[in-house]
Each structure stands twice: as C-alpha cells, then as structure tokens.
C-alpha atoms as a PDB file:
ATOM      1  CA  MET A   1     113.760  66.643 108.135  1.00  0.00           C
ATOM      2  CA  LEU A   2     113.549  64.291 111.104  1.00  0.00           C
ATOM      3  CA  THR A   3     116.309  63.640 113.602  1.00  0.00           C
ATOM      4  CA  LEU A   4     116.926  60.149 114.971  1.00  0.00           C
ATOM      5  CA  GLU A   5     114.991  61.020 118.127  1.00  0.00           C
ATOM      6  CA  GLU A   6     112.045  62.331 116.100  1.00  0.00           C
ATOM      7  CA  LEU A   7     112.120  59.269 113.823  1.00  0.00           C
ATOM      8  CA  LYS A   8     111.854  57.021 116.877  1.00  0.00           C
ATOM      9  CA  LYS A   9     108.427  58.592 117.497  1.00  0.00           C
ATOM     10  CA  GLU A  10     107.141  57.612 114.022  1.00  0.00           C
ATOM     11  CA  PRO A  11     106.253  53.889 114.252  1.00  0.00           C
ATOM     12  CA  GLY A  12     104.213  53.953 111.036  1.00  0.00           C
ATOM     13  CA  LEU A  13     107.173  55.263 109.083  1.00  0.00           C
ATOM     14  CA  ILE A  14     109.565  52.818 110.753  1.00  0.00           C
ATOM     15  CA  GLU A  15     107.298  49.928 109.707  1.00  0.00           C
ATOM     16  CA  GLU A  16     107.615  51.026 106.066  1.00  0.00           C
ATOM     17  CA  ILE A  17     111.418  50.887 105.999  1.00  0.00           C
ATOM     18  CA  ASN A  18     112.832  48.337 103.586  1.00  0.00           C
ATOM     19  CA  TRP A  19     115.914  47.182 105.512  1.00  0.00           C
ATOM     20  CA  GLU A  20     117.205  45.172 102.547  1.00  0.00           C
ATOM     21  CA  MET A  21     117.081  48.024 100.012  1.00  0.00           C
ATOM     22  CA  THR A  22     120.439  49.417  98.929  1.00  0.00           C
ATOM     23  CA  PRO A  23     121.131  52.652  97.050  1.00  0.00           C
ATOM     24  CA  GLU A  24     122.140  50.616  93.995  1.00  0.00           C
ATOM     25  CA  GLU A  25     118.959  48.536  94.082  1.00  0.00           C
ATOM     26  CA  ALA A  26     116.813  51.661  94.457  1.00  0.00           C
ATOM     27  CA  VAL A  27     118.368  53.152  91.318  1.00  0.00           C
ATOM     28  CA  ARG A  28     117.861  49.902  89.412  1.00  0.00           C
ATOM     29  CA  LEU A  29     114.216  49.583  90.448  1.00  0.00           C
ATOM     30  CA  TYR A  30     113.066  53.185  90.258  1.00  0.00           C
ATOM     31  CA  LEU A  31     115.253  54.793  87.608  1.00  0.00           C
ATOM     32  CA  GLU A  32     116.135  51.947  85.259  1.00  0.00           C
ATOM     33  CA  TRP A  33     112.669  50.567  84.619  1.00  0.00           C
ATOM     34  CA  GLY A  34     113.643  48.611  81.509  1.00  0.00           C
ATOM     35  CA  ASN A  35     116.176  46.626  83.515  1.00  0.00           C
ATOM     36  CA  ASN A  36     113.785  45.213  86.116  1.00  0.00           C
ATOM     37  CA  TRP A  37     112.309  42.222  84.303  1.00  0.00           C
ATOM     38  CA  ALA A  38     115.734  40.655  83.749  1.00  0.00           C
ATOM     39  CA  ARG A  39     116.376  39.924  87.423  1.00  0.00           C
ATOM     40  CA  GLY A  40     113.290  37.759  87.817  1.00  0.00           C
ATOM     41  CA  ASP A  41     112.693  38.908  91.404  1.00  0.00           C
ATOM     42  CA  GLY A  42     109.028  39.606  90.712  1.00  0.00           C
ATOM     43  CA  TYR A  43     109.205  43.194  91.990  1.00  0.00           C
ATOM     44  CA  VAL A  44     108.388  45.634  89.213  1.00  0.00           C
ATOM     45  CA  ILE A  45     107.727  49.344  89.565  1.00  0.00           C
ATOM     46  CA  ARG A  46     104.526  50.113  87.699  1.00  0.00           C
ATOM     47  CA  SER A  47     103.814  53.757  88.505  1.00  0.00           C
ATOM     48  CA  ILE A  48     104.870  56.852  90.395  1.00  0.00           C
ATOM     49  CA  ASP A  49     102.728  55.582  93.299  1.00  0.00           C
ATOM     50  CA  ASP A  50     105.211  52.757  93.967  1.00  0.00           C
ATOM     51  CA  TYR A  51     107.818  53.824  96.517  1.00  0.00           C
ATOM     52  CA  THR A  52     110.219  52.540  99.129  1.00  0.00           C
ATOM     53  CA  HIS A  53     111.879  53.853 102.290  1.00  0.00           C
ATOM     54  CA  TYR A  54     115.526  52.950 102.880  1.00  0.00           C
ATOM     55  CA  PHE A  55     118.673  54.214 104.562  1.00  0.00           C
ATOM     56  CA  VAL A  56     121.929  55.378 103.027  1.00  0.00           C
ATOM     57  CA  VAL A  57     125.181  56.376 104.686  1.00  0.00           C
ATOM     58  CA  ASN A  58     126.774  59.434 103.097  1.00  0.00           C
ATOM     59  CA  CYS A  59     130.566  59.256 103.437  1.00  0.00           C
ATOM     60  CA  TRP A  60     131.568  62.054 101.082  1.00  0.00           C
ATOM     61  CA  SER A  61     132.652  64.530 103.760  1.00  0.00           C
ATOM     62  CA  GLU A  62     132.697  64.828 107.532  1.00  0.00           C
ATOM     63  CA  PRO A  63     130.538  64.818 109.469  1.00  0.00           C
ATOM     64  CA  TYR A  64     129.132  61.621 107.953  1.00  0.00           C
ATOM     65  CA  TYR A  65     125.367  61.212 107.964  1.00  0.00           C
ATOM     66  CA  ILE A  66     122.736  58.507 107.753  1.00  0.00           C
ATOM     67  CA  TYR A  67     119.709  59.487 105.666  1.00  0.00           C
ATOM     68  CA  LEU A  68     116.263  57.927 105.463  1.00  0.00           C
ATOM     69  CA  ILE A  69     115.158  58.256 101.844  1.00  0.00           C
ATOM     70  CA  ARG A  70     111.694  57.953 100.316  1.00  0.00           C
ATOM     71  CA  ARG A  71     112.221  56.989  96.663  1.00  0.00           C
ATOM     72  CA  ASN A  72     109.795  56.652  93.778  1.00  0.00           C
ATOM     73  CA  SER A  73     110.378  56.898  90.046  1.00  0.00           C
ATOM     74  CA  ASP A  74     110.068  60.673  90.155  1.00  0.00           C
ATOM     75  CA  GLU A  75     112.190  61.731  93.113  1.00  0.00           C
ATOM     76  CA  ALA A  76     114.182  60.853  96.199  1.00  0.00           C
ATOM     77  CA  VAL A  77     113.178  62.778  99.319  1.00  0.00           C
ATOM     78  CA  GLU A  78     115.337  62.888 102.444  1.00  0.00           C
ATOM     79  CA  LEU A  79     112.985  62.270 105.376  1.00  0.00           C
ATOM     80  CA  ALA A  80     115.521  61.963 108.209  1.00  0.00           C
ATOM     81  CA  LYS A  81     119.164  62.861 108.738  1.00  0.00           C
ATOM     82  CA  PHE A  82     121.441  62.116 111.673  1.00  0.00           C
ATOM     83  CA  GLU A  83     125.150  61.734 112.264  1.00  0.00           C
ATOM     84  CA  LEU A  84     126.823  58.384 111.814  1.00  0.00           C
ATOM     85  CA  PRO A  85     127.998  57.322 115.292  1.00  0.00           C
ATOM     86  CA  GLU A  86     131.761  57.630 115.695  1.00  0.00           C
ATOM     87  CA  LYS A  87     132.260  53.903 116.335  1.00  0.00           C
ATOM     88  CA  PHE A  88     130.988  53.135 112.806  1.00  0.00           C
ATOM     89  CA  GLN A  89     132.882  55.865 110.968  1.00  0.00           C
ATOM     90  CA  LYS A  90     136.106  54.003 110.261  1.00  0.00           C
ATOM     91  CA  PRO A  91     134.627  50.664 109.152  1.00  0.00           C
ATOM     92  CA  VAL A  92     131.802  52.206 107.076  1.00  0.00           C
ATOM     93  CA  CYS A  93     133.437  55.329 105.654  1.00  0.00           C
ATOM     94  CA  GLU A  94     136.895  53.997 104.823  1.00  0.00           C
ATOM     95  CA  LEU A  95     136.340  55.279 101.258  1.00  0.00           C
ATOM     96  CA  LYS A  96     134.262  58.232 100.101  1.00  0.00           C
ATOM     97  CA  GLY A  97     130.843  57.297  98.750  1.00  0.00           C
ATOM     98  CA  VAL A  98     127.248  56.444  99.564  1.00  0.00           C
ATOM     99  CA  TYR A  99     126.652  53.072 101.203  1.00  0.00           C
ATOM    100  CA  ALA A 100     123.863  50.786 102.374  1.00  0.00           C
ATOM    101  CA  LEU A 101     123.408  49.845 106.011  1.00  0.00           C
ATOM    102  CA  GLU A 102     125.168  46.575 106.757  1.00  0.00           C
ATOM    103  CA  GLY A 103     126.348  44.429 109.634  1.00  0.00           C
ATOM    104  CA  GLU A 104     126.693  46.001 113.061  1.00  0.00           C
ATOM    105  CA  LEU A 105     125.542  49.429 111.878  1.00  0.00           C
ATOM    106  CA  LYS A 106     122.288  47.981 110.540  1.00  0.00           C
ATOM    107  CA  GLU A 107     121.766  45.969 113.734  1.00  0.00           C
ATOM    108  CA  TRP A 108     122.425  49.063 115.870  1.00  0.00           C
ATOM    109  CA  LEU A 109     119.921  51.192 113.962  1.00  0.00           C
ATOM    110  CA  GLN A 110     117.252  48.497 114.002  1.00  0.00           C
ATOM    111  CA  LYS A 111     117.678  48.271 117.763  1.00  0.00           C
ATOM    112  CA  GLU A 112     117.509  52.069 118.136  1.00  0.00           C
ATOM    113  CA  LEU A 113     114.278  52.161 116.144  1.00  0.00           C
ATOM    114  CA  LYS A 114     112.881  48.992 117.738  1.00  0.00           C
ATOM    115  CA  ALA A 115     112.550  47.447 114.284  1.00  0.00           C
ATOM    116  CA  SER A 116     113.427  44.016 112.982  1.00  0.00           C
END
C-alpha cells in the first residue's frame, strides 16, 4: 500500500482519481446496479472492467486515516493509506464513520498531489 509520499510519485494514478466520488456514490454505482438508471446521470456500470479511484476518510478509531480506494463491482482495493493531518481531525472526524473528502481537506490533498 502506498504512502502519501509514494503516491505523489504516481502521476498516472493521480490523474485517475475521481475527486467528486463519495463512498455512498461508489456503493450506489458499483454494488447497487439496479438503482443506477433512476438517477439519470448517464453513468452506468456495465461490467467488472468499469472502476473508479476515490478517497475516503476512516474515522472509526485513532489514528484516523485517508485511503485511496480502487472500486469495481467485484471489490474495493486500498491502494494508499496515510494519516489524516491533525488540523483536519476535529472538523472531519467529529463522529465515527467513513467520510468523503470535502472542503479544506480536499483542497489540501489536491494541492499535495498537484491535482485539480
């Protein structure tokens, strides 16, 4: 599994990150196939070859981590894992759970990875 520093050296992988994908949306798209047509967003998963890369913040127990996930309809693979910076711990992990990147945390990580 990659660290943040190792991920920074993988521009091809960084380009594939879907910065708008949330954990909830990934479940809807890749695990609840029958539900996809109803949203009308035009994005339908057709096979196991369709995948996305996205980040989640795991706030179940300390230390809190950010994971880069590769998800298809068959599995979710953790590609990178690094600690959530302390300055984001209180606003992001106020409650236990798994969260999408948002706001300042998302902006910080995009800057770290030189992504937009």
